Amino acid sequence: MPYKSLSHLPESVREQLPKHAQEIYRGAYNSAWDEYNHDEERAHRVAWAAVKHKYEKNEQTGMWEEKGN
């Protein structure tokens, strides 16, 4: 089901991603949820792909950082 707010995102997403990345995730997930007829697994894949377009995981720190920083 679509996420009404960032606080409703899965705990793993909230713990791993900075706020802006969470907003990207939520928007992409909710859009994909509608577009792909409520296919939850696909919506999560789309959401992570959207985050990875702008953010990358720092392998040394394990933190997600905006690309180009």
PDB file of N, CA and C in Angstrom:
ATOM      1  N   MET A   1       0.838  -1.176   0.000  1.00  0.00           N
ATOM      2  CA  MET A   1       0.000   0.000   0.000  1.00  0.00           C
ATOM      3  C   MET A   1       0.884   1.242   0.000  1.00  0.00           C
ATOM      4  N   PRO A   2       0.413   2.332  -0.517  1.00  0.00           N
ATOM      5  CA  PRO A   2       1.209   3.557  -0.563  1.00  0.00           C
ATOM      6  C   PRO A   2       1.568   4.044   0.843  1.00  0.00           C
ATOM      7  N   TYR A   3       2.671   4.750   0.920  1.00  0.00           N
ATOM      8  CA  TYR A   3       3.128   5.293   2.202  1.00  0.00           C
ATOM      9  C   TYR A   3       2.634   6.720   2.357  1.00  0.00           C
ATOM     10  N   LYS A   4       1.910   6.995   3.454  1.00  0.00           N
ATOM     11  CA  LYS A   4       1.338   8.313   3.693  1.00  0.00           C
ATOM     12  C   LYS A   4       2.385   9.322   4.137  1.00  0.00           C
ATOM     13  N   SER A   5       3.402   8.855   4.842  1.00  0.00           N
ATOM     14  CA  SER A   5       4.457   9.755   5.322  1.00  0.00           C
ATOM     15  C   SER A   5       5.756   8.975   5.448  1.00  0.00           C
ATOM     16  N   LEU A   6       6.844   9.708   5.678  1.00  0.00           N
ATOM     17  CA  LEU A   6       8.150   9.048   5.828  1.00  0.00           C
ATOM     18  C   LEU A   6       8.163   8.116   7.030  1.00  0.00           C
ATOM     19  N   SER A   7       7.422   8.431   8.053  1.00  0.00           N
ATOM     20  CA  SER A   7       7.401   7.585   9.250  1.00  0.00           C
ATOM     21  C   SER A   7       6.767   6.222   8.985  1.00  0.00           C
ATOM     22  N   HIS A   8       6.045   6.089   7.875  1.00  0.00           N
ATOM     23  CA  HIS A   8       5.426   4.815   7.525  1.00  0.00           C
ATOM     24  C   HIS A   8       6.316   3.936   6.633  1.00  0.00           C
ATOM     25  N   LEU A   9       7.451   4.474   6.197  1.00  0.00           N
ATOM     26  CA  LEU A   9       8.374   3.680   5.376  1.00  0.00           C
ATOM     27  C   LEU A   9       8.909   2.514   6.190  1.00  0.00           C
ATOM     28  N   PRO A  10       9.356   1.457   5.520  1.00  0.00           N
ATOM     29  CA  PRO A  10       9.969   0.347   6.259  1.00  0.00           C
ATOM     30  C   PRO A  10      11.147   0.848   7.095  1.00  0.00           C
ATOM     31  N   GLU A  11      11.314   0.241   8.244  1.00  0.00           N
ATOM     32  CA  GLU A  11      12.386   0.643   9.162  1.00  0.00           C
ATOM     33  C   GLU A  11      13.752   0.619   8.482  1.00  0.00           C
ATOM     34  N   SER A  12      13.992  -0.378   7.652  1.00  0.00           N
ATOM     35  CA  SER A  12      15.291  -0.478   6.979  1.00  0.00           C
ATOM     36  C   SER A  12      15.547   0.730   6.084  1.00  0.00           C
ATOM     37  N   VAL A  13      14.512   1.253   5.455  1.00  0.00           N
ATOM     38  CA  VAL A  13      14.653   2.437   4.599  1.00  0.00           C
ATOM     39  C   VAL A  13      14.913   3.667   5.471  1.00  0.00           C
ATOM     40  N   ARG A  14      14.131   3.827   6.533  1.00  0.00           N
ATOM     41  CA  ARG A  14      14.294   4.981   7.421  1.00  0.00           C
ATOM     42  C   ARG A  14      15.672   5.017   8.061  1.00  0.00           C
ATOM     43  N   GLU A  15      16.197   3.864   8.416  1.00  0.00           N
ATOM     44  CA  GLU A  15      17.498   3.807   9.094  1.00  0.00           C
ATOM     45  C   GLU A  15      18.665   4.027   8.135  1.00  0.00           C
ATOM     46  N   GLN A  16      18.522   3.626   6.885  1.00  0.00           N
ATOM     47  CA  GLN A  16      19.630   3.670   5.939  1.00  0.00           C
ATOM     48  C   GLN A  16      19.741   4.975   5.169  1.00  0.00           C
ATOM     49  N   LEU A  17      18.605   5.592   4.875  1.00  0.00           N
ATOM     50  CA  LEU A  17      18.612   6.710   3.933  1.00  0.00           C
ATOM     51  C   LEU A  17      18.435   8.059   4.620  1.00  0.00           C
ATOM     52  N   PRO A  18      19.146   9.091   4.119  1.00  0.00           N
ATOM     53  CA  PRO A  18      18.887  10.444   4.612  1.00  0.00           C
ATOM     54  C   PRO A  18      17.475  10.882   4.202  1.00  0.00           C
ATOM     55  N   LYS A  19      16.972  11.932   4.819  1.00  0.00           N
ATOM     56  CA  LYS A  19      15.595  12.364   4.618  1.00  0.00           C
ATOM     57  C   LYS A  19      15.251  12.579   3.142  1.00  0.00           C
ATOM     58  N   HIS A  20      16.099  13.279   2.409  1.00  0.00           N
ATOM     59  CA  HIS A  20      15.792  13.553   1.007  1.00  0.00           C
ATOM     60  C   HIS A  20      15.678  12.254   0.216  1.00  0.00           C
ATOM     61  N   ALA A  21      16.540  11.300   0.483  1.00  0.00           N
ATOM     62  CA  ALA A  21      16.477  10.010  -0.201  1.00  0.00           C
ATOM     63  C   ALA A  21      15.201   9.258   0.184  1.00  0.00           C
ATOM     64  N   GLN A  22      14.768   9.399   1.424  1.00  0.00           N
ATOM     65  CA  GLN A  22      13.502   8.787   1.848  1.00  0.00           C
ATOM     66  C   GLN A  22      12.335   9.391   1.082  1.00  0.00           C
ATOM     67  N   GLU A  23      12.395  10.698   0.853  1.00  0.00           N
ATOM     68  CA  GLU A  23      11.338  11.361   0.088  1.00  0.00           C
ATOM     69  C   GLU A  23      11.302  10.846  -1.349  1.00  0.00           C
ATOM     70  N   ILE A  24      12.480  10.645  -1.929  1.00  0.00           N
ATOM     71  CA  ILE A  24      12.561  10.083  -3.283  1.00  0.00           C
ATOM     72  C   ILE A  24      11.966   8.672  -3.292  1.00  0.00           C
ATOM     73  N   TYR A  25      12.352   7.873  -2.307  1.00  0.00           N
ATOM     74  CA  TYR A  25      11.869   6.493  -2.195  1.00  0.00           C
ATOM     75  C   TYR A  25      10.340   6.473  -2.093  1.00  0.00           C
ATOM     76  N   ARG A  26       9.812   7.279  -1.192  1.00  0.00           N
ATOM     77  CA  ARG A  26       8.364   7.309  -0.969  1.00  0.00           C
ATOM     78  C   ARG A  26       7.624   7.719  -2.245  1.00  0.00           C
ATOM     79  N   GLY A  27       8.084   8.762  -2.902  1.00  0.00           N
ATOM     80  CA  GLY A  27       7.424   9.219  -4.119  1.00  0.00           C
ATOM     81  C   GLY A  27       7.467   8.185  -5.227  1.00  0.00           C
ATOM     82  N   ALA A  28       8.620   7.573  -5.416  1.00  0.00           N
ATOM     83  CA  ALA A  28       8.765   6.559  -6.463  1.00  0.00           C
ATOM     84  C   ALA A  28       7.931   5.321  -6.151  1.00  0.00           C
ATOM     85  N   TYR A  29       7.943   4.901  -4.891  1.00  0.00           N
ATOM     86  CA  TYR A  29       7.161   3.729  -4.490  1.00  0.00           C
ATOM     87  C   TYR A  29       5.676   3.971  -4.742  1.00  0.00           C
ATOM     88  N   ASN A  30       5.180   5.107  -4.259  1.00  0.00           N
ATOM     89  CA  ASN A  30       3.753   5.388  -4.399  1.00  0.00           C
ATOM     90  C   ASN A  30       3.330   5.474  -5.860  1.00  0.00           C
ATOM     91  N   SER A  31       4.166   6.056  -6.685  1.00  0.00           N
ATOM     92  CA  SER A  31       3.870   6.150  -8.112  1.00  0.00           C
ATOM     93  C   SER A  31       3.868   4.761  -8.760  1.00  0.00           C
ATOM     94  N   ALA A  32       4.883   3.966  -8.434  1.00  0.00           N
ATOM     95  CA  ALA A  32       4.972   2.614  -9.004  1.00  0.00           C
ATOM     96  C   ALA A  32       3.841   1.723  -8.506  1.00  0.00           C
ATOM     97  N   TRP A  33       3.427   1.925  -7.267  1.00  0.00           N
ATOM     98  CA  TRP A  33       2.308   1.157  -6.699  1.00  0.00           C
ATOM     99  C   TRP A  33       1.072   1.304  -7.588  1.00  0.00           C
ATOM    100  N   ASP A  34       0.809   2.545  -7.983  1.00  0.00           N
ATOM    101  CA  ASP A  34      -0.345   2.799  -8.850  1.00  0.00           C
ATOM    102  C   ASP A  34      -0.096   2.295 -10.272  1.00  0.00           C
ATOM    103  N   GLU A  35       1.086   2.593 -10.790  1.00  0.00           N
ATOM    104  CA  GLU A  35       1.397   2.254 -12.179  1.00  0.00           C
ATOM    105  C   GLU A  35       1.408   0.753 -12.440  1.00  0.00           C
ATOM    106  N   TYR A  36       1.892  -0.017 -11.478  1.00  0.00           N
ATOM    107  CA  TYR A  36       2.051  -1.459 -11.671  1.00  0.00           C
ATOM    108  C   TYR A  36       1.005  -2.271 -10.900  1.00  0.00           C
ATOM    109  N   ASN A  37      -0.186  -1.713 -10.788  1.00  0.00           N
ATOM    110  CA  ASN A  37      -1.334  -2.442 -10.226  1.00  0.00           C
ATOM    111  C   ASN A  37      -1.068  -3.067  -8.862  1.00  0.00           C
ATOM    112  N   HIS A  38      -0.490  -2.275  -7.978  1.00  0.00           N
ATOM    113  CA  HIS A  38      -0.294  -2.657  -6.574  1.00  0.00           C
ATOM    114  C   HIS A  38       0.672  -3.829  -6.396  1.00  0.00           C
ATOM    115  N   ASP A  39       1.648  -3.919  -7.279  1.00  0.00           N
ATOM    116  CA  ASP A  39       2.702  -4.941  -7.175  1.00  0.00           C
ATOM    117  C   ASP A  39       3.767  -4.407  -6.213  1.00  0.00           C
ATOM    118  N   GLU A  40       3.685  -4.843  -4.960  1.00  0.00           N
ATOM    119  CA  GLU A  40       4.545  -4.311  -3.900  1.00  0.00           C
ATOM    120  C   GLU A  40       6.030  -4.546  -4.171  1.00  0.00           C
ATOM    121  N   GLU A  41       6.376  -5.742  -4.591  1.00  0.00           N
ATOM    122  CA  GLU A  41       7.781  -6.059  -4.855  1.00  0.00           C
ATOM    123  C   GLU A  41       8.347  -5.161  -5.956  1.00  0.00           C
ATOM    124  N   ARG A  42       7.592  -4.995  -7.001  1.00  0.00           N
ATOM    125  CA  ARG A  42       8.045  -4.147  -8.107  1.00  0.00           C
ATOM    126  C   ARG A  42       8.137  -2.685  -7.672  1.00  0.00           C
ATOM    127  N   ALA A  43       7.203  -2.240  -6.868  1.00  0.00           N
ATOM    128  CA  ALA A  43       7.228  -0.857  -6.384  1.00  0.00           C
ATOM    129  C   ALA A  43       8.477  -0.606  -5.540  1.00  0.00           C
ATOM    130  N   HIS A  44       8.869  -1.570  -4.714  1.00  0.00           N
ATOM    131  CA  HIS A  44      10.105  -1.425  -3.928  1.00  0.00           C
ATOM    132  C   HIS A  44      11.327  -1.376  -4.842  1.00  0.00           C
ATOM    133  N   ARG A  45      11.361  -2.203  -5.872  1.00  0.00           N
ATOM    134  CA  ARG A  45      12.490  -2.184  -6.816  1.00  0.00           C
ATOM    135  C   ARG A  45      12.587  -0.834  -7.524  1.00  0.00           C
ATOM    136  N   VAL A  46      11.457  -0.313  -7.943  1.00  0.00           N
ATOM    137  CA  VAL A  46      11.431   0.999  -8.601  1.00  0.00           C
ATOM    138  C   VAL A  46      11.911   2.080  -7.636  1.00  0.00           C
ATOM    139  N   ALA A  47      11.461   2.012  -6.401  1.00  0.00           N
ATOM    140  CA  ALA A  47      11.841   3.012  -5.403  1.00  0.00           C
ATOM    141  C   ALA A  47      13.348   2.996  -5.154  1.00  0.00           C
ATOM    142  N   TRP A  48      13.925   1.807  -4.995  1.00  0.00           N
ATOM    143  CA  TRP A  48      15.376   1.729  -4.781  1.00  0.00           C
ATOM    144  C   TRP A  48      16.134   2.219  -6.009  1.00  0.00           C
ATOM    145  N   ALA A  49      15.637   1.923  -7.196  1.00  0.00           N
ATOM    146  CA  ALA A  49      16.299   2.398  -8.414  1.00  0.00           C
ATOM    147  C   ALA A  49      16.284   3.926  -8.466  1.00  0.00           C
ATOM    148  N   ALA A  50      15.183   4.522  -8.044  1.00  0.00           N
ATOM    149  CA  ALA A  50      15.088   5.986  -8.026  1.00  0.00           C
ATOM    150  C   ALA A  50      16.091   6.580  -7.043  1.00  0.00           C
ATOM    151  N   VAL A  51      16.233   5.964  -5.894  1.00  0.00           N
ATOM    152  CA  VAL A  51      17.205   6.442  -4.901  1.00  0.00           C
ATOM    153  C   VAL A  51      18.618   6.314  -5.461  1.00  0.00           C
ATOM    154  N   LYS A  52      18.911   5.181  -6.072  1.00  0.00           N
ATOM    155  CA  LYS A  52      20.261   4.931  -6.584  1.00  0.00           C
ATOM    156  C   LYS A  52      20.620   5.840  -7.755  1.00  0.00           C
ATOM    157  N   HIS A  53      19.625   6.462  -8.362  1.00  0.00           N
ATOM    158  CA  HIS A  53      19.888   7.417  -9.438  1.00  0.00           C
ATOM    159  C   HIS A  53      20.578   8.674  -8.890  1.00  0.00           C
ATOM    160  N   LYS A  54      20.265   9.036  -7.654  1.00  0.00           N
ATOM    161  CA  LYS A  54      20.791  10.267  -7.059  1.00  0.00           C
ATOM    162  C   LYS A  54      21.741  10.006  -5.890  1.00  0.00           C
ATOM    163  N   TYR A  55      21.632   8.845  -5.255  1.00  0.00           N
ATOM    164  CA  TYR A  55      22.440   8.510  -4.081  1.00  0.00           C
ATOM    165  C   TYR A  55      23.239   7.236  -4.323  1.00  0.00           C
ATOM    166  N   GLU A  56      24.334   7.114  -3.578  1.00  0.00           N
ATOM    167  CA  GLU A  56      25.122   5.881  -3.612  1.00  0.00           C
ATOM    168  C   GLU A  56      25.572   5.560  -2.199  1.00  0.00           C
ATOM    169  N   LYS A  57      25.769   4.285  -1.956  1.00  0.00           N
ATOM    170  CA  LYS A  57      26.185   3.844  -0.631  1.00  0.00           C
ATOM    171  C   LYS A  57      27.701   3.928  -0.522  1.00  0.00           C
ATOM    172  N   ASN A  58      28.175   4.629   0.485  1.00  0.00           N
ATOM    173  CA  ASN A  58      29.603   4.726   0.758  1.00  0.00           C
ATOM    174  C   ASN A  58      30.034   3.398   1.368  1.00  0.00           C
ATOM    175  N   GLU A  59      30.875   2.679   0.659  1.00  0.00           N
ATOM    176  CA  GLU A  59      31.273   1.346   1.117  1.00  0.00           C
ATOM    177  C   GLU A  59      32.100   1.390   2.401  1.00  0.00           C
ATOM    178  N   GLN A  60      32.771   2.479   2.649  1.00  0.00           N
ATOM    179  CA  GLN A  60      33.590   2.591   3.865  1.00  0.00           C
ATOM    180  C   GLN A  60      32.740   2.856   5.102  1.00  0.00           C
ATOM    181  N   THR A  61      31.769   3.748   4.967  1.00  0.00           N
ATOM    182  CA  THR A  61      30.963   4.128   6.131  1.00  0.00           C
ATOM    183  C   THR A  61      29.626   3.394   6.190  1.00  0.00           C
ATOM    184  N   GLY A  62      29.176   2.868   5.041  1.00  0.00           N
ATOM    185  CA  GLY A  62      27.879   2.215   4.983  1.00  0.00           C
ATOM    186  C   GLY A  62      26.730   3.192   4.876  1.00  0.00           C
ATOM    187  N   MET A  63      27.030   4.476   4.800  1.00  0.00           N
ATOM    188  CA  MET A  63      25.991   5.524   4.732  1.00  0.00           C
ATOM    189  C   MET A  63      25.681   5.857   3.272  1.00  0.00           C
ATOM    190  N   TRP A  64      24.438   6.209   3.002  1.00  0.00           N
ATOM    191  CA  TRP A  64      24.020   6.636   1.677  1.00  0.00           C
ATOM    192  C   TRP A  64      24.310   8.116   1.542  1.00  0.00           C
ATOM    193  N   GLU A  65      24.960   8.486   0.439  1.00  0.00           N
ATOM    194  CA  GLU A  65      25.356   9.869   0.208  1.00  0.00           C
ATOM    195  C   GLU A  65      24.934  10.290  -1.192  1.00  0.00           C
ATOM    196  N   GLU A  66      24.639  11.586  -1.313  1.00  0.00           N
ATOM    197  CA  GLU A  66      24.273  12.106  -2.618  1.00  0.00           C
ATOM    198  C   GLU A  66      25.466  11.962  -3.559  1.00  0.00           C
ATOM    199  N   LYS A  67      25.218  11.532  -4.769  1.00  0.00           N
ATOM    200  CA  LYS A  67      26.305  11.368  -5.745  1.00  0.00           C
ATOM    201  C   LYS A  67      26.962  12.715  -6.030  1.00  0.00           C
ATOM    202  N   GLY A  68      28.244  12.680  -6.226  1.00  0.00           N
ATOM    203  CA  GLY A  68      28.989  13.898  -6.527  1.00  0.00           C
ATOM    204  C   GLY A  68      29.531  14.607  -5.305  1.00  0.00           C
ATOM    205  N   ASN A  69      29.283  14.077  -4.118  1.00  0.00           N
ATOM    206  CA  ASN A  69      29.808  14.685  -2.876  1.00  0.00           C
ATOM    207  C   ASN A  69      31.082  14.028  -2.448  1.00  0.00           C
TER     208      ASN A  69
END
